[in-house]
C-alpha atoms as a PDB file:
ATOM      1  CA  MET A   1       0.339   0.118  -0.518  1.00  0.00           C
ATOM      2  CA  LYS A   2       2.931   2.812   0.720  1.00  0.00           C
ATOM      3  CA  LEU A   3       4.443   2.141  -2.789  1.00  0.00           C
ATOM      4  CA  LEU A   4       1.296   2.403  -4.080  1.00  0.00           C
ATOM      5  CA  ARG A   5       0.629   5.697  -2.636  1.00  0.00           C
ATOM      6  CA  LEU A   6       4.223   6.805  -3.703  1.00  0.00           C
ATOM      7  CA  ALA A   7       3.094   5.750  -7.326  1.00  0.00           C
ATOM      8  CA  ILE A   8       0.458   7.572  -7.269  1.00  0.00           C
ATOM      9  CA  LEU A   9       2.056  10.711  -5.714  1.00  0.00           C
ATOM     10  CA  PHE A  10       4.462  10.398  -7.941  1.00  0.00           C
ATOM     11  CA  THR A  11       2.337  10.236 -11.028  1.00  0.00           C
ATOM     12  CA  ALA A  12       0.114  13.045  -9.006  1.00  0.00           C
ATOM     13  CA  VAL A  13       3.287  15.311  -9.317  1.00  0.00           C
ATOM     14  CA  ALA A  14       5.201  14.678 -12.602  1.00  0.00           C
ATOM     15  CA  GLY A  15       1.474  15.258 -14.108  1.00  0.00           C
ATOM     16  CA  ILE A  16       0.507  18.555 -12.786  1.00  0.00           C
ATOM     17  CA  SER A  17       3.930  19.836 -13.631  1.00  0.00           C
ATOM     18  CA  CYS A  18       3.585  18.900 -16.764  1.00  0.00           C
ATOM     19  CA  VAL A  19       0.296  20.844 -17.481  1.00  0.00           C
ATOM     20  CA  PHE A  20       1.534  23.815 -15.681  1.00  0.00           C
ATOM     21  CA  ALA A  21       4.976  24.027 -16.886  1.00  0.00           C
ATOM     22  CA  GLN A  22       3.932  23.717 -20.771  1.00  0.00           C
ATOM     23  CA  GLU A  23       3.557  27.889 -20.816  1.00  0.00           C
ATOM     24  CA  SER A  24       6.098  28.508 -18.317  1.00  0.00           C
ATOM     25  CA  ALA A  25       9.277  26.365 -18.624  1.00  0.00           C
ATOM     26  CA  PHE A  26      10.611  28.174 -21.273  1.00  0.00           C
ATOM     27  CA  SER A  27      10.703  31.208 -19.398  1.00  0.00           C
ATOM     28  CA  VAL A  28      14.315  31.894 -18.092  1.00  0.00           C
ATOM     29  CA  ASP A  29      12.818  33.514 -14.920  1.00  0.00           C
ATOM     30  CA  ASN A  30      11.020  30.699 -13.437  1.00  0.00           C
ATOM     31  CA  TRP A  31      14.023  28.705 -12.440  1.00  0.00           C
ATOM     32  CA  HIS A  32      15.811  29.289  -9.148  1.00  0.00           C
ATOM     33  CA  LEU A  33      18.890  27.201  -8.219  1.00  0.00           C
ATOM     34  CA  SER A  34      19.717  27.456  -4.633  1.00  0.00           C
ATOM     35  CA  LEU A  35      23.344  25.788  -2.258  1.00  0.00           C
ATOM     36  CA  GLY A  36      23.127  25.758   1.153  1.00  0.00           C
ATOM     37  CA  VAL A  37      23.242  23.375   4.111  1.00  0.00           C
ATOM     38  CA  SER A  38      20.747  20.577   5.646  1.00  0.00           C
ATOM     39  CA  TYR A  39      21.104  19.610   9.001  1.00  0.00           C
ATOM     40  CA  ARG A  40      18.768  16.237   9.974  1.00  0.00           C
ATOM     41  CA  ASP A  41      18.314  15.125  13.750  1.00  0.00           C
ATOM     42  CA  PHE A  42      18.959  11.641  13.192  1.00  0.00           C
ATOM     43  CA  ARG A  43      17.822   8.889  16.059  1.00  0.00           C
ATOM     44  CA  LYS A  44      20.683   6.640  17.375  1.00  0.00           C
ATOM     45  CA  PRO A  45      21.528   3.830  15.428  1.00  0.00           C
ATOM     46  CA  THR A  46      20.667   0.298  16.939  1.00  0.00           C
ATOM     47  CA  PHE A  47      23.028  -1.989  16.744  1.00  0.00           C
ATOM     48  CA  LYS A  48      21.367  -5.169  16.294  1.00  0.00           C
ATOM     49  CA  SER A  49      21.938  -8.202  18.567  1.00  0.00           C
ATOM     50  CA  SER A  50      24.658 -10.855  17.920  1.00  0.00           C
ATOM     51  CA  ALA A  51      26.282 -13.852  19.311  1.00  0.00           C
ATOM     52  CA  MET A  52      29.302 -13.862  21.843  1.00  0.00           C
ATOM     53  CA  PRO A  53      31.610 -16.638  21.079  1.00  0.00           C
ATOM     54  CA  ASN A  54      31.218 -19.461  23.032  1.00  0.00           C
ATOM     55  CA  PHE A  55      34.250 -20.983  25.102  1.00  0.00           C
ATOM     56  CA  THR A  56      35.153 -23.742  27.042  1.00  0.00           C
ATOM     57  CA  GLY A  57      38.261 -23.618  29.123  1.00  0.00           C
ATOM     58  CA  SER A  58      40.274 -24.708  32.246  1.00  0.00           C
ATOM     59  CA  PHE A  59      42.584 -24.229  35.173  1.00  0.00           C
ATOM     60  CA  SER A  60      43.861 -26.256  37.990  1.00  0.00           C
ATOM     61  CA  ALA A  61      46.226 -25.113  41.018  1.00  0.00           C
ATOM     62  CA  ALA A  62      49.329 -26.513  39.308  1.00  0.00           C
ATOM     63  CA  GLN A  63      48.425 -24.121  36.287  1.00  0.00           C
ATOM     64  CA  PRO A  64      46.444 -21.432  37.671  1.00  0.00           C
ATOM     65  CA  ASP A  65      46.004 -19.827  34.209  1.00  0.00           C
ATOM     66  CA  ILE A  66      43.112 -20.283  32.310  1.00  0.00           C
ATOM     67  CA  ILE A  67      43.501 -21.634  28.995  1.00  0.00           C
ATOM     68  CA  ALA A  68      41.463 -23.814  26.199  1.00  0.00           C
ATOM     69  CA  TRP A  69      40.274 -27.211  28.036  1.00  0.00           C
ATOM     70  CA  ASP A  70      43.217 -29.884  26.484  1.00  0.00           C
ATOM     71  CA  PRO A  71      43.621 -32.922  28.538  1.00  0.00           C
ATOM     72  CA  SER A  72      46.741 -33.457  27.283  1.00  0.00           C
ATOM     73  CA  LYS A  73      47.998 -30.347  29.428  1.00  0.00           C
ATOM     74  CA  TYR A  74      47.576 -31.996  32.387  1.00  0.00           C
ATOM     75  CA  GLY A  75      47.834 -35.298  35.322  1.00  0.00           C
ATOM     76  CA  ALA A  76      51.825 -36.199  33.366  1.00  0.00           C
ATOM     77  CA  ASN A  77      53.624 -38.578  35.018  1.00  0.00           C
ATOM     78  CA  SER A  78      50.544 -40.853  36.002  1.00  0.00           C
ATOM     79  CA  SER A  79      49.836 -38.284  38.674  1.00  0.00           C
ATOM     80  CA  LEU A  80      45.938 -37.774  39.319  1.00  0.00           C
ATOM     81  CA  GLU A  81      45.527 -33.550  38.802  1.00  0.00           C
ATOM     82  CA  ILE A  82      41.957 -32.014  39.181  1.00  0.00           C
ATOM     83  CA  VAL A  83      41.030 -29.629  36.953  1.00  0.00           C
ATOM     84  CA  ASN A  84      38.433 -26.752  36.667  1.00  0.00           C
ATOM     85  CA  VAL A  85      36.495 -26.998  33.657  1.00  0.00           C
ATOM     86  CA  ILE A  86      34.882 -23.802  32.638  1.00  0.00           C
ATOM     87  CA  HIS A  87      31.679 -23.704  29.861  1.00  0.00           C
ATOM     88  CA  TYR A  88      30.457 -20.407  28.353  1.00  0.00           C
ATOM     89  CA  SER A  89      27.735 -20.238  26.487  1.00  0.00           C
ATOM     90  CA  GLY A  90      24.681 -18.309  24.975  1.00  0.00           C
ATOM     91  CA  GLY A  91      26.146 -14.750  25.439  1.00  0.00           C
ATOM     92  CA  ARG A  92      24.978 -11.889  23.204  1.00  0.00           C
ATOM     93  CA  GLN A  93      25.912  -8.284  22.694  1.00  0.00           C
ATOM     94  CA  GLY A  94      23.355  -5.213  21.264  1.00  0.00           C
ATOM     95  CA  SER A  95      23.474  -1.433  21.873  1.00  0.00           C
ATOM     96  CA  ARG A  96      22.773   2.262  20.738  1.00  0.00           C
ATOM     97  CA  GLY A  97      25.588   3.696  19.111  1.00  0.00           C
ATOM     98  CA  HIS A  98      25.456   7.974  18.542  1.00  0.00           C
ATOM     99  CA  TYR A  99      26.405  10.376  16.310  1.00  0.00           C
ATOM    100  CA  GLY A 100      28.270  13.773  16.702  1.00  0.00           C
ATOM    101  CA  PHE A 101      26.394  17.357  15.416  1.00  0.00           C
ATOM    102  CA  GLU A 102      28.303  17.646  12.144  1.00  0.00           C
ATOM    103  CA  GLU A 103      27.628  13.921  10.942  1.00  0.00           C
ATOM    104  CA  SER A 104      23.174  15.767  11.391  1.00  0.00           C
ATOM    105  CA  LEU A 105      24.829  18.423   8.027  1.00  0.00           C
ATOM    106  CA  ALA A 106      24.444  17.875   4.833  1.00  0.00           C
ATOM    107  CA  PRO A 107      25.420  19.887   1.747  1.00  0.00           C
ATOM    108  CA  ALA A 108      21.987  20.565  -0.336  1.00  0.00           C
ATOM    109  CA  LEU A 109      21.407  21.683  -3.948  1.00  0.00           C
ATOM    110  CA  GLY A 110      18.019  22.596  -4.876  1.00  0.00           C
ATOM    111  CA  PHE A 111      16.119  23.938  -7.558  1.00  0.00           C
ATOM    112  CA  SER A 112      12.874  25.211  -7.987  1.00  0.00           C
ATOM    113  CA  LEU A 113      10.327  25.718 -11.104  1.00  0.00           C
ATOM    114  CA  ALA A 114       7.567  28.502 -11.592  1.00  0.00           C
ATOM    115  CA  LEU A 115       4.444  26.827 -12.419  1.00  0.00           C
ATOM    116  CA  THR A 116       1.762  29.272 -12.318  1.00  0.00           C
ATOM    117  CA  GLN A 117       0.444  32.011 -10.152  1.00  0.00           C
ATOM    118  CA  GLN A 118      -2.816  33.039  -9.192  1.00  0.00           C
ATOM    119  CA  ASP A 119      -2.580  36.539  -7.475  1.00  0.00           C
ATOM    120  CA  ASN A 120      -0.058  36.432  -4.557  1.00  0.00           C
ATOM    121  CA  ILE A 121       0.225  31.996  -4.771  1.00  0.00           C
ATOM    122  CA  GLU A 122       2.467  30.543  -6.875  1.00  0.00           C
ATOM    123  CA  PHE A 123       2.837  26.944  -7.737  1.00  0.00           C
ATOM    124  CA  SER A 124       6.176  25.602  -8.220  1.00  0.00           C
ATOM    125  CA  LEU A 125       8.019  22.361  -8.780  1.00  0.00           C
ATOM    126  CA  VAL A 126      11.048  21.934  -5.988  1.00  0.00           C
ATOM    127  CA  ALA A 127      13.601  19.043  -6.016  1.00  0.00           C
ATOM    128  CA  ASN A 128      16.335  18.809  -3.580  1.00  0.00           C
ATOM    129  CA  LEU A 129      19.382  16.648  -3.531  1.00  0.00           C
ATOM    130  CA  GLN A 130      20.943  16.142  -0.245  1.00  0.00           C
ATOM    131  CA  TYR A 131      24.266  14.157   1.232  1.00  0.00           C
ATOM    132  CA  PHE A 132      24.814  12.748   4.533  1.00  0.00           C
ATOM    133  CA  SER A 133      27.923  10.730   6.072  1.00  0.00           C
ATOM    134  CA  LEU A 134      27.060   9.077   9.611  1.00  0.00           C
ATOM    135  CA  ASP A 135      29.844   7.129  11.698  1.00  0.00           C
ATOM    136  CA  SER A 136      29.007   5.487  14.734  1.00  0.00           C
ATOM    137  CA  ALA A 137      31.015   2.579  16.929  1.00  0.00           C
ATOM    138  CA  SER A 138      29.979   0.921  20.197  1.00  0.00           C
ATOM    139  CA  ARG A 139      32.709  -0.668  22.507  1.00  0.00           C
ATOM    140  CA  HIS A 140      30.646  -2.002  25.671  1.00  0.00           C
ATOM    141  CA  ASN A 141      31.363  -5.121  27.951  1.00  0.00           C
ATOM    142  CA  ALA A 142      28.268  -7.654  27.866  1.00  0.00           C
ATOM    143  CA  PHE A 143      27.846 -11.271  28.674  1.00  0.00           C
ATOM    144  CA  ALA A 144      23.685 -10.650  28.414  1.00  0.00           C
ATOM    145  CA  GLY A 145      22.004 -14.065  28.687  1.00  0.00           C
ATOM    146  CA  GLY A 146      25.338 -15.771  28.576  1.00  0.00           C
ATOM    147  CA  ASN A 147      25.792 -18.783  31.122  1.00  0.00           C
ATOM    148  CA  GLU A 148      29.188 -19.616  33.048  1.00  0.00           C
ATOM    149  CA  TYR A 149      29.712 -22.715  34.890  1.00  0.00           C
ATOM    150  CA  THR A 150      32.468 -24.627  36.419  1.00  0.00           C
ATOM    151  CA  ARG A 151      32.728 -28.487  36.618  1.00  0.00           C
ATOM    152  CA  LEU A 152      35.388 -30.983  38.043  1.00  0.00           C
ATOM    153  CA  ALA A 153      37.433 -33.623  35.992  1.00  0.00           C
ATOM    154  CA  ASN A 154      39.980 -35.544  37.287  1.00  0.00           C
ATOM    155  CA  VAL A 155      43.192 -36.312  34.120  1.00  0.00           C
ATOM    156  CA  ILE A 156      45.740 -38.692  34.554  1.00  0.00           C
ATOM    157  CA  ASN A 157      48.556 -38.366  31.840  1.00  0.00           C
ATOM    158  CA  GLY A 158      46.353 -36.383  29.621  1.00  0.00           C
ATOM    159  CA  VAL A 159      43.214 -38.404  29.414  1.00  0.00           C
ATOM    160  CA  ALA A 160      40.168 -37.248  31.025  1.00  0.00           C
ATOM    161  CA  GLY A 161      37.655 -38.732  33.068  1.00  0.00           C
ATOM    162  CA  ALA A 162      33.930 -37.739  33.098  1.00  0.00           C
ATOM    163  CA  GLU A 163      33.044 -34.313  34.378  1.00  0.00           C
ATOM    164  CA  TYR A 164      31.300 -34.271  38.051  1.00  0.00           C
ATOM    165  CA  ASP A 165      29.932 -31.104  40.332  1.00  0.00           C
ATOM    166  CA  GLU A 166      31.139 -31.131  43.537  1.00  0.00           C
ATOM    167  CA  PRO A 167      29.109 -30.798  45.623  1.00  0.00           C
ATOM    168  CA  TYR A 168      27.324 -33.780  43.410  1.00  0.00           C
ATOM    169  CA  GLY A 169      24.452 -32.640  41.578  1.00  0.00           C
ATOM    170  CA  SER A 170      25.174 -29.029  42.541  1.00  0.00           C
ATOM    171  CA  LEU A 171      25.699 -26.947  38.854  1.00  0.00           C
ATOM    172  CA  ASN A 172      29.055 -24.354  40.311  1.00  0.00           C
ATOM    173  CA  TYR A 173      28.061 -21.433  38.379  1.00  0.00           C
ATOM    174  CA  THR A 174      30.856 -18.984  38.229  1.00  0.00           C
ATOM    175  CA  SER A 175      32.155 -15.616  37.117  1.00  0.00           C
ATOM    176  CA  HIS A 176      35.627 -16.473  35.524  1.00  0.00           C
ATOM    177  CA  LEU A 177      35.336 -14.951  32.347  1.00  0.00           C
ATOM    178  CA  SER A 178      34.563 -11.605  31.014  1.00  0.00           C
ATOM    179  CA  GLY A 179      33.971 -10.489  27.957  1.00  0.00           C
ATOM    180  CA  SER A 180      33.641  -7.371  24.897  1.00  0.00           C
ATOM    181  CA  ALA A 181      32.429  -6.230  21.950  1.00  0.00           C
ATOM    182  CA  LYS A 182      32.558  -3.623  19.363  1.00  0.00           C
ATOM    183  CA  THR A 183      30.568  -2.876  16.361  1.00  0.00           C
ATOM    184  CA  LYS A 184      30.944   0.166  13.626  1.00  0.00           C
ATOM    185  CA  PHE A 185      28.649   1.415  11.522  1.00  0.00           C
ATOM    186  CA  ASP A 186      28.996   3.803   8.775  1.00  0.00           C
ATOM    187  CA  LEU A 187      26.507   5.209   6.579  1.00  0.00           C
ATOM    188  CA  ASP A 188      26.225   7.207   3.049  1.00  0.00           C
ATOM    189  CA  LEU A 189      23.429   8.574   2.419  1.00  0.00           C
ATOM    190  CA  TYR A 190      22.002  10.456  -0.578  1.00  0.00           C
ATOM    191  CA  VAL A 191      18.531  12.099  -0.844  1.00  0.00           C
ATOM    192  CA  LEU A 192      17.093  13.206  -3.354  1.00  0.00           C
ATOM    193  CA  ASP A 193      13.135  14.555  -3.317  1.00  0.00           C
ATOM    194  CA  LEU A 194      10.743  16.003  -5.616  1.00  0.00           C
ATOM    195  CA  GLY A 195       7.459  18.093  -4.761  1.00  0.00           C
ATOM    196  CA  LEU A 196       5.114  20.584  -5.069  1.00  0.00           C
ATOM    197  CA  SER A 197       5.443  24.368  -3.196  1.00  0.00           C
ATOM    198  CA  ALA A 198       2.719  26.543  -2.703  1.00  0.00           C
ATOM    199  CA  ASN A 199       4.391  29.874  -2.090  1.00  0.00           C
ATOM    200  CA  TYR A 200       2.810  32.857  -0.677  1.00  0.00           C
ATOM    201  CA  ILE A 201       4.694  36.054  -2.812  1.00  0.00           C
ATOM    202  CA  PHE A 202       4.762  39.723  -0.558  1.00  0.00           C
ATOM    203  CA  GLN A 203       5.457  43.004  -1.739  1.00  0.00           C
ATOM    204  CA  SER A 204       8.597  43.369  -0.229  1.00  0.00           C
ATOM    205  CA  GLY A 205      10.471  40.150  -1.495  1.00  0.00           C
ATOM    206  CA  LEU A 206       9.261  38.284   1.343  1.00  0.00           C
ATOM    207  CA  GLN A 207       7.388  34.454   0.319  1.00  0.00           C
ATOM    208  CA  ALA A 208       6.578  31.863   2.376  1.00  0.00           C
ATOM    209  CA  TYR A 209       5.622  28.591   1.312  1.00  0.00           C
ATOM    210  CA  ILE A 210       4.793  24.543   2.324  1.00  0.00           C
ATOM    211  CA  ALA A 211       5.827  21.919   0.043  1.00  0.00           C
ATOM    212  CA  ALA A 212       5.505  17.933   0.012  1.00  0.00           C
ATOM    213  CA  GLY A 213       6.517  15.382  -1.864  1.00  0.00           C
ATOM    214  CA  PRO A 214       7.538  11.709  -2.332  1.00  0.00           C
ATOM    215  CA  SER A 215      11.948  10.942  -1.941  1.00  0.00           C
ATOM    216  CA  LEU A 216      13.991   8.607  -2.630  1.00  0.00           C
ATOM    217  CA  SER A 217      17.589   7.559   0.000  1.00  0.00           C
ATOM    218  CA  LEU A 218      20.168   5.732  -1.616  1.00  0.00           C
ATOM    219  CA  ALA A 219      21.728   4.254   1.934  1.00  0.00           C
ATOM    220  CA  ASP A 220      25.356   2.722   1.192  1.00  0.00           C
ATOM    221  CA  MET A 221      25.881   0.966   4.740  1.00  0.00           C
ATOM    222  CA  GLU A 222      29.294  -0.794   6.148  1.00  0.00           C
ATOM    223  CA  SER A 223      28.916  -2.528   9.543  1.00  0.00           C
ATOM    224  CA  SER A 224      31.273  -4.781  11.219  1.00  0.00           C
ATOM    225  CA  SER A 225      31.094  -6.461  14.843  1.00  0.00           C
ATOM    226  CA  PHE A 226      33.534  -7.898  16.730  1.00  0.00           C
ATOM    227  CA  SER A 227      33.230 -10.088  20.541  1.00  0.00           C
ATOM    228  CA  ARG A 228      35.769 -11.818  22.781  1.00  0.00           C
ATOM    229  CA  VAL A 229      35.307 -13.586  25.628  1.00  0.00           C
ATOM    230  CA  GLY A 230      38.854 -13.857  28.148  1.00  0.00           C
ATOM    231  CA  SER A 231      40.228 -13.368  31.787  1.00  0.00           C
ATOM    232  CA  ALA A 232      42.772 -11.535  33.483  1.00  0.00           C
ATOM    233  CA  GLY A 233      45.659 -13.125  30.859  1.00  0.00           C
ATOM    234  CA  GLY A 234      43.854 -11.853  27.927  1.00  0.00           C
ATOM    235  CA  ALA A 235      41.444 -13.284  24.754  1.00  0.00           C
ATOM    236  CA  LEU A 236      40.093 -16.662  24.875  1.00  0.00           C
ATOM    237  CA  ALA A 237      38.419 -16.821  21.895  1.00  0.00           C
ATOM    238  CA  SER A 238      36.874 -14.305  19.924  1.00  0.00           C
ATOM    239  CA  ALA A 239      34.287 -13.760  17.006  1.00  0.00           C
ATOM    240  CA  ARG A 240      34.105 -11.056  14.355  1.00  0.00           C
ATOM    241  CA  GLY A 241      32.149 -10.484  10.925  1.00  0.00           C
ATOM    242  CA  ARG A 242      31.185  -7.908   8.144  1.00  0.00           C
ATOM    243  CA  ASP A 243      28.334  -6.921   6.276  1.00  0.00           C
ATOM    244  CA  ASN A 244      28.046  -4.195   3.803  1.00  0.00           C
ATOM    245  CA  ASP A 245      24.555  -3.324   1.801  1.00  0.00           C
ATOM    246  CA  ILE A 246      23.322  -0.605  -0.660  1.00  0.00           C
ATOM    247  CA  ASP A 247      19.511  -0.124  -0.268  1.00  0.00           C
ATOM    248  CA  TYR A 248      17.067   2.179  -1.743  1.00  0.00           C
ATOM    249  CA  ILE A 249      14.339   3.479   0.432  1.00  0.00           C
ATOM    250  CA  PHE A 250      11.238   5.325  -0.708  1.00  0.00           C
ATOM    251  CA  GLY A 251       9.482   7.881   1.753  1.00  0.00           C
ATOM    252  CA  TYR A 252       8.175  11.563   1.428  1.00  0.00           C
ATOM    253  CA  TYR A 253       8.651  14.727   3.482  1.00  0.00           C
ATOM    254  CA  ALA A 254       6.776  18.179   4.169  1.00  0.00           C
ATOM    255  CA  SER A 255       8.384  21.077   4.820  1.00  0.00           C
ATOM    256  CA  ILE A 256       7.264  24.899   5.435  1.00  0.00           C
ATOM    257  CA  GLY A 257       9.575  27.939   5.141  1.00  0.00           C
ATOM    258  CA  ALA A 258      10.120  31.355   4.299  1.00  0.00           C
ATOM    259  CA  SER A 259      12.753  33.113   1.628  1.00  0.00           C
ATOM    260  CA  TYR A 260      13.633  36.618   1.234  1.00  0.00           C
ATOM    261  CA  TRP A 261      15.073  38.231  -2.304  1.00  0.00           C
ATOM    262  CA  ILE A 262      18.369  40.442  -1.028  1.00  0.00           C
ATOM    263  CA  SER A 263      18.170  41.892  -4.487  1.00  0.00           C
ATOM    264  CA  GLU A 264      16.603  40.536  -8.270  1.00  0.00           C
ATOM    265  CA  GLN A 265      18.783  37.660  -8.463  1.00  0.00           C
ATOM    266  CA  VAL A 266      20.253  36.457  -4.956  1.00  0.00           C
ATOM    267  CA  GLY A 267      18.023  35.342  -2.098  1.00  0.00           C
ATOM    268  CA  LEU A 268      17.798  33.498   1.161  1.00  0.00           C
ATOM    269  CA  SER A 269      15.699  30.682   2.551  1.00  0.00           C
ATOM    270  CA  LEU A 270      14.917  29.053   5.448  1.00  0.00           C
ATOM    271  CA  GLU A 271      12.783  25.479   5.865  1.00  0.00           C
ATOM    272  CA  LEU A 272      11.626  23.492   8.714  1.00  0.00           C
ATOM    273  CA  ARG A 273      11.117  19.652   7.316  1.00  0.00           C
ATOM    274  CA  LYS A 274       9.780  16.214   8.649  1.00  0.00           C
ATOM    275  CA  ASP A 275      10.862  13.495   6.542  1.00  0.00           C
ATOM    276  CA  GLU A 276       9.833   9.693   6.486  1.00  0.00           C
ATOM    277  CA  GLY A 277      10.885   6.512   5.027  1.00  0.00           C
ATOM    278  CA  PHE A 278       8.905   3.784   4.479  1.00  0.00           C
ATOM    279  CA  LYS A 279      11.949   1.191   6.297  1.00  0.00           C
ATOM    280  CA  LYS A 280      15.126   1.909   7.938  1.00  0.00           C
ATOM    281  CA  ALA A 281      17.685   0.936   6.612  1.00  0.00           C
ATOM    282  CA  ALA A 282      19.889  -1.921   7.561  1.00  0.00           C
ATOM    283  CA  THR A 283      22.644  -4.302   7.516  1.00  0.00           C
ATOM    284  CA  LYS A 284      23.121  -7.623   9.532  1.00  0.00           C
ATOM    285  CA  TYR A 285      24.697  -5.845  12.579  1.00  0.00           C
ATOM    286  CA  ALA A 286      23.017  -2.295  12.392  1.00  0.00           C
ATOM    287  CA  LYS A 287      19.839  -0.191  11.294  1.00  0.00           C
ATOM    288  CA  GLN A 288      19.171   3.498  10.998  1.00  0.00           C
ATOM    289  CA  ASP A 289      16.162   4.896  11.341  1.00  0.00           C
ATOM    290  CA  LEU A 290      15.789   7.618   8.622  1.00  0.00           C
ATOM    291  CA  ASP A 291      12.319   9.262  10.244  1.00  0.00           C
ATOM    292  CA  ALA A 292      13.195  12.636  11.283  1.00  0.00           C
ATOM    293  CA  TYR A 293      12.925  16.394  11.902  1.00  0.00           C
ATOM    294  CA  GLY A 294      15.013  18.480  10.315  1.00  0.00           C
ATOM    295  CA  GLY A 295      16.208  21.876   8.684  1.00  0.00           C
ATOM    296  CA  MET A 296      17.522  23.504   5.246  1.00  0.00           C
ATOM    297  CA  LEU A 297      19.216  27.168   4.936  1.00  0.00           C
ATOM    298  CA  LYS A 298      20.246  27.771   1.258  1.00  0.00           C
ATOM    299  CA  CYS A 299      20.859  30.828  -0.960  1.00  0.00           C
ATOM    300  CA  ILE A 300      19.036  31.262  -4.258  1.00  0.00           C
ATOM    301  CA  PHE A 301      20.055  32.261  -7.017  1.00  0.00           C
ATOM    302  CA  ARG A 302      17.055  33.595  -9.881  1.00  0.00           C
ATOM    303  CA  PHE A 303      17.951  32.854 -13.733  1.00  0.00           C
END
């Protein structure tokens, strides 16, 4: 249904533009070009939950450092050695990132074509192109949902017997291990919108307007995730992954603003916007909501 509404909106904008532009498209005064800066108050990116590495380790009185479980390292010379065997599994990590103020800013290029005017009301075809570059990372310690317990095993000459609990039947939950994770997300976002604008023209060169129309966003995304399980002696197990993707996201925008012509050829405009995307930009490790409030400040040139 959203795509159908978008198609209808595109068709309506194009159709109305063609009708009105037949008489005015070749008039030089009808074209305006604008350059400036755009701001969008992006929501924080969400780093998706991903699995921590599972790990089985061990230590003993003779070898107190935790190492990967390998019975061959214990019980030499036919001596019985009691080994602590640590099992960790099921941990997941996830968090939210953040952006700096400068990453909410983007260069903006726009144009408008006056279609028709009735008294002080003018209707125009408007378009804008914006480019945002967003980078975020999250480093955190997490064992959310993880399960760590330690059992005992008897080892002689590198051969381990069955693991057992002491006291019998009481699983010993422990916290010998620690974990950390880091997720990175880079997003290059290109936003193109096409809309209709209704302008009210005052005598002093001041104009007030409202505009709305469909938008198309190209999201070029790179993401990576790294997680580790370790102890005081260092990392014992790790997992990493990467997922890059390019996605096209349809949406729409609505804006309200004002412009002032300093001279016959040069003016300034300021507008407030609400942008909506029909879905989120996402990879395997992160996702970004494109719905946001924002604004544009531009210099306008009349030809």
